[in-house]
Amino acid sequence: MTKSLLYRLFGIGKIPDQLKAQLESEGIRLQDVGIPGSVTYRNFHRPGRYSSWRRTWNTASLAITQTRLVALVYSRTAIDVPFADRRFRDLTFTMEKADTLQVMFNASLFHDDWSGEIEYRFNTPQAQEFLEILKTASA
């Protein structure tokens, strides 16, 4: 799978240098940057916003270190959870297609005043390797 057009033209979807240094100090096991992705909201409620169903497309980065999972959307943190955190076990990891990793969870997992389901999709040729590491870490 190729990198997204926004990444190729403008570098949108890369890991910021400060975060990259942190991740490198933790020992990066696997990463992919500038990949196409999406986020889907189902029956989603948060203060000031409601969506019965909404999907937005984005450019994302995904990294797994020795201690945590980090997912960025347009260089903003979408998921940052250590393996030791109890919330990590509440994330559901699946493969939609051979090159698409899905991460699903209840919105209240990270925000007390949110509800509904959030589903991130990351289109990466390394989806299977990401899934294997995440399944091992959650066991």
C-alpha atoms as a PDB file:
ATOM      1  CA  MET A   1       0.000   0.000   0.000  1.00  0.00           C
ATOM      2  CA  THR A   2       1.319   3.409  -0.866  1.00  0.00           C
ATOM      3  CA  LYS A   3       1.550   6.320   1.496  1.00  0.00           C
ATOM      4  CA  SER A   4      -1.323   8.792   1.451  1.00  0.00           C
ATOM      5  CA  LEU A   5      -1.182  11.708  -0.960  1.00  0.00           C
ATOM      6  CA  LEU A   6      -1.138  14.244   1.905  1.00  0.00           C
ATOM      7  CA  TYR A   7       1.877  12.496   3.383  1.00  0.00           C
ATOM      8  CA  ARG A   8       3.739  12.307   0.072  1.00  0.00           C
ATOM      9  CA  LEU A   9       3.099  15.960  -0.777  1.00  0.00           C
ATOM     10  CA  PHE A  10       3.171  17.686   2.612  1.00  0.00           C
ATOM     11  CA  GLY A  11       4.399  15.195   5.214  1.00  0.00           C
ATOM     12  CA  ILE A  12       0.991  15.196   6.935  1.00  0.00           C
ATOM     13  CA  GLY A  13       0.581  12.112   9.103  1.00  0.00           C
ATOM     14  CA  LYS A  14       4.142  11.808  10.329  1.00  0.00           C
ATOM     15  CA  ILE A  15       5.132  11.315  13.939  1.00  0.00           C
ATOM     16  CA  PRO A  16       6.254  14.632  15.479  1.00  0.00           C
ATOM     17  CA  ASP A  17       9.966  14.715  16.343  1.00  0.00           C
ATOM     18  CA  GLN A  18       9.449  15.046  20.111  1.00  0.00           C
ATOM     19  CA  LEU A  19       7.115  12.036  20.246  1.00  0.00           C
ATOM     20  CA  LYS A  20       9.362  10.072  17.876  1.00  0.00           C
ATOM     21  CA  ALA A  21      12.305  10.579  20.266  1.00  0.00           C
ATOM     22  CA  GLN A  22      10.143   9.299  23.150  1.00  0.00           C
ATOM     23  CA  LEU A  23       9.063   6.255  21.174  1.00  0.00           C
ATOM     24  CA  GLU A  24      12.641   5.486  20.129  1.00  0.00           C
ATOM     25  CA  SER A  25      13.760   5.645  23.763  1.00  0.00           C
ATOM     26  CA  GLU A  26      11.060   3.067  24.608  1.00  0.00           C
ATOM     27  CA  GLY A  27      12.195   0.788  21.778  1.00  0.00           C
ATOM     28  CA  ILE A  28      10.019   0.827  18.671  1.00  0.00           C
ATOM     29  CA  ARG A  29       8.928  -2.690  17.718  1.00  0.00           C
ATOM     30  CA  LEU A  30       6.902  -1.716  14.639  1.00  0.00           C
ATOM     31  CA  GLN A  31       5.725   1.499  13.016  1.00  0.00           C
ATOM     32  CA  ASP A  32       4.165   2.837   9.832  1.00  0.00           C
ATOM     33  CA  VAL A  33       3.645   6.507   9.013  1.00  0.00           C
ATOM     34  CA  GLY A  34       1.635   8.440   6.447  1.00  0.00           C
ATOM     35  CA  ILE A  35      -0.891   5.673   5.960  1.00  0.00           C
ATOM     36  CA  PRO A  36      -4.509   6.085   4.858  1.00  0.00           C
ATOM     37  CA  GLY A  37      -7.035   5.528   7.601  1.00  0.00           C
ATOM     38  CA  SER A  38     -10.489   6.334   8.874  1.00  0.00           C
ATOM     39  CA  VAL A  39     -12.430   6.768  12.084  1.00  0.00           C
ATOM     40  CA  THR A  40     -16.048   5.666  12.402  1.00  0.00           C
ATOM     41  CA  TYR A  41     -18.390   6.831  15.154  1.00  0.00           C
ATOM     42  CA  ARG A  42     -21.513   4.785  15.988  1.00  0.00           C
ATOM     43  CA  ASN A  43     -24.213   6.075  18.346  1.00  0.00           C
ATOM     44  CA  PHE A  44     -21.621   8.564  19.472  1.00  0.00           C
ATOM     45  CA  HIS A  45     -22.365  11.233  22.081  1.00  0.00           C
ATOM     46  CA  ARG A  46     -20.036  13.800  23.576  1.00  0.00           C
ATOM     47  CA  PRO A  47     -20.780  17.281  24.883  1.00  0.00           C
ATOM     48  CA  GLY A  48     -21.854  19.330  21.895  1.00  0.00           C
ATOM     49  CA  ARG A  49     -21.804  16.488  19.345  1.00  0.00           C
ATOM     50  CA  TYR A  50     -23.960  13.519  18.378  1.00  0.00           C
ATOM     51  CA  SER A  51     -23.625  11.097  15.482  1.00  0.00           C
ATOM     52  CA  SER A  52     -25.670   7.980  14.878  1.00  0.00           C
ATOM     53  CA  TRP A  53     -23.063   7.038  12.237  1.00  0.00           C
ATOM     54  CA  ARG A  54     -20.206   9.092  10.839  1.00  0.00           C
ATOM     55  CA  ARG A  55     -16.940   8.208   9.112  1.00  0.00           C
ATOM     56  CA  THR A  56     -14.041  10.523   8.364  1.00  0.00           C
ATOM     57  CA  TRP A  57     -10.976   9.676   6.286  1.00  0.00           C
ATOM     58  CA  ASN A  58      -7.506  10.689   7.389  1.00  0.00           C
ATOM     59  CA  THR A  59      -3.766  10.204   7.177  1.00  0.00           C
ATOM     60  CA  ALA A  60      -2.399   8.314  10.158  1.00  0.00           C
ATOM     61  CA  SER A  61       0.659   6.885  11.865  1.00  0.00           C
ATOM     62  CA  LEU A  62       0.825   3.782  13.977  1.00  0.00           C
ATOM     63  CA  ALA A  63       3.615   2.701  16.336  1.00  0.00           C
ATOM     64  CA  ILE A  64       4.136  -0.044  18.875  1.00  0.00           C
ATOM     65  CA  THR A  65       6.972   0.220  21.376  1.00  0.00           C
ATOM     66  CA  GLN A  66       8.044  -2.236  24.051  1.00  0.00           C
ATOM     67  CA  THR A  67       5.528  -0.607  26.418  1.00  0.00           C
ATOM     68  CA  ARG A  68       2.626   0.989  24.500  1.00  0.00           C
ATOM     69  CA  LEU A  69       0.475   1.500  21.416  1.00  0.00           C
ATOM     70  CA  VAL A  70       0.377   4.948  19.818  1.00  0.00           C
ATOM     71  CA  ALA A  71      -1.875   5.939  16.922  1.00  0.00           C
ATOM     72  CA  LEU A  72      -1.859   9.411  15.419  1.00  0.00           C
ATOM     73  CA  VAL A  73      -4.362  11.030  13.067  1.00  0.00           C
ATOM     74  CA  TYR A  74      -2.947  14.016  11.187  1.00  0.00           C
ATOM     75  CA  SER A  75      -0.066  14.043  13.727  1.00  0.00           C
ATOM     76  CA  ARG A  76      -2.529  14.374  16.649  1.00  0.00           C
ATOM     77  CA  THR A  77      -2.761  11.608  19.232  1.00  0.00           C
ATOM     78  CA  ALA A  78      -5.789   9.373  18.700  1.00  0.00           C
ATOM     79  CA  ILE A  79      -4.728   6.398  20.857  1.00  0.00           C
ATOM     80  CA  ASP A  80      -1.896   6.357  23.376  1.00  0.00           C
ATOM     81  CA  VAL A  81      -2.230   3.538  25.853  1.00  0.00           C
ATOM     82  CA  PRO A  82       0.420   1.494  27.682  1.00  0.00           C
ATOM     83  CA  PHE A  83       0.114  -2.298  27.570  1.00  0.00           C
ATOM     84  CA  ALA A  84      -0.011  -2.347  31.384  1.00  0.00           C
ATOM     85  CA  ASP A  85      -3.066  -0.033  31.450  1.00  0.00           C
ATOM     86  CA  ARG A  86      -6.329  -1.911  32.090  1.00  0.00           C
ATOM     87  CA  ARG A  87      -7.929   0.055  29.215  1.00  0.00           C
ATOM     88  CA  PHE A  88      -5.617  -1.682  26.742  1.00  0.00           C
ATOM     89  CA  ARG A  89      -7.461  -4.958  27.362  1.00  0.00           C
ATOM     90  CA  ASP A  90     -10.746  -3.261  26.455  1.00  0.00           C
ATOM     91  CA  LEU A  91      -9.528  -2.425  22.940  1.00  0.00           C
ATOM     92  CA  THR A  92     -10.586  -4.863  20.217  1.00  0.00           C
ATOM     93  CA  PHE A  93      -8.076  -5.566  17.451  1.00  0.00           C
ATOM     94  CA  THR A  94      -9.142  -7.216  14.189  1.00  0.00           C
ATOM     95  CA  MET A  95      -8.264  -7.303  10.520  1.00  0.00           C
ATOM     96  CA  GLU A  96     -10.929  -6.106   8.123  1.00  0.00           C
ATOM     97  CA  LYS A  97      -8.914  -7.019   5.030  1.00  0.00           C
ATOM     98  CA  ALA A  98      -5.385  -8.332   4.558  1.00  0.00           C
ATOM     99  CA  ASP A  99      -4.021  -4.781   4.775  1.00  0.00           C
ATOM    100  CA  THR A 100      -6.409  -3.111   7.238  1.00  0.00           C
ATOM    101  CA  LEU A 101      -6.015  -3.137  11.015  1.00  0.00           C
ATOM    102  CA  GLN A 102      -9.120  -2.191  13.019  1.00  0.00           C
ATOM    103  CA  VAL A 103      -9.034  -0.885  16.583  1.00  0.00           C
ATOM    104  CA  MET A 104     -12.466  -0.639  18.210  1.00  0.00           C
ATOM    105  CA  PHE A 105     -13.521   0.552  21.650  1.00  0.00           C
ATOM    106  CA  ASN A 106     -16.253   2.229  23.643  1.00  0.00           C
ATOM    107  CA  ALA A 107     -15.827   6.017  23.680  1.00  0.00           C
ATOM    108  CA  SER A 108     -16.263   6.129  27.473  1.00  0.00           C
ATOM    109  CA  LEU A 109     -13.029   4.158  27.825  1.00  0.00           C
ATOM    110  CA  PHE A 110     -10.964   7.345  27.506  1.00  0.00           C
ATOM    111  CA  HIS A 111     -13.552  10.072  28.221  1.00  0.00           C
ATOM    112  CA  ASP A 112     -16.086   9.790  31.056  1.00  0.00           C
ATOM    113  CA  ASP A 113     -18.590  12.099  29.347  1.00  0.00           C
ATOM    114  CA  TRP A 114     -18.503  10.321  25.952  1.00  0.00           C
ATOM    115  CA  SER A 115     -20.531   7.304  24.848  1.00  0.00           C
ATOM    116  CA  GLY A 116     -20.898   5.134  21.753  1.00  0.00           C
ATOM    117  CA  GLU A 117     -18.388   3.198  19.710  1.00  0.00           C
ATOM    118  CA  ILE A 118     -15.246   4.429  17.987  1.00  0.00           C
ATOM    119  CA  GLU A 119     -13.513   2.387  15.319  1.00  0.00           C
ATOM    120  CA  TYR A 120     -10.161   3.283  13.790  1.00  0.00           C
ATOM    121  CA  ARG A 121      -8.964   1.684  10.556  1.00  0.00           C
ATOM    122  CA  PHE A 122      -5.334   1.773   9.483  1.00  0.00           C
ATOM    123  CA  ASN A 123      -4.485   0.673   5.929  1.00  0.00           C
ATOM    124  CA  THR A 124      -0.976  -0.729   6.149  1.00  0.00           C
ATOM    125  CA  PRO A 125       0.799  -3.662   4.507  1.00  0.00           C
ATOM    126  CA  GLN A 126       2.073  -4.480   8.021  1.00  0.00           C
ATOM    127  CA  ALA A 127      -1.446  -4.990   9.438  1.00  0.00           C
ATOM    128  CA  GLN A 128      -0.844  -8.664  10.221  1.00  0.00           C
ATOM    129  CA  GLU A 129       2.377  -7.922  12.130  1.00  0.00           C
ATOM    130  CA  PHE A 130       0.647  -5.153  14.102  1.00  0.00           C
ATOM    131  CA  LEU A 131      -2.215  -7.500  14.958  1.00  0.00           C
ATOM    132  CA  GLU A 132       0.110 -10.281  16.134  1.00  0.00           C
ATOM    133  CA  ILE A 133       2.050  -7.949  18.443  1.00  0.00           C
ATOM    134  CA  LEU A 134      -1.138  -6.400  19.853  1.00  0.00           C
ATOM    135  CA  LYS A 135      -2.794  -9.781  20.457  1.00  0.00           C
ATOM    136  CA  THR A 136       0.339 -11.002  22.252  1.00  0.00           C
ATOM    137  CA  ALA A 137       0.501  -7.837  24.379  1.00  0.00           C
ATOM    138  CA  SER A 138      -3.161  -8.097  25.410  1.00  0.00           C
ATOM    139  CA  ALA A 139      -2.894 -11.763  26.426  1.00  0.00           C
END
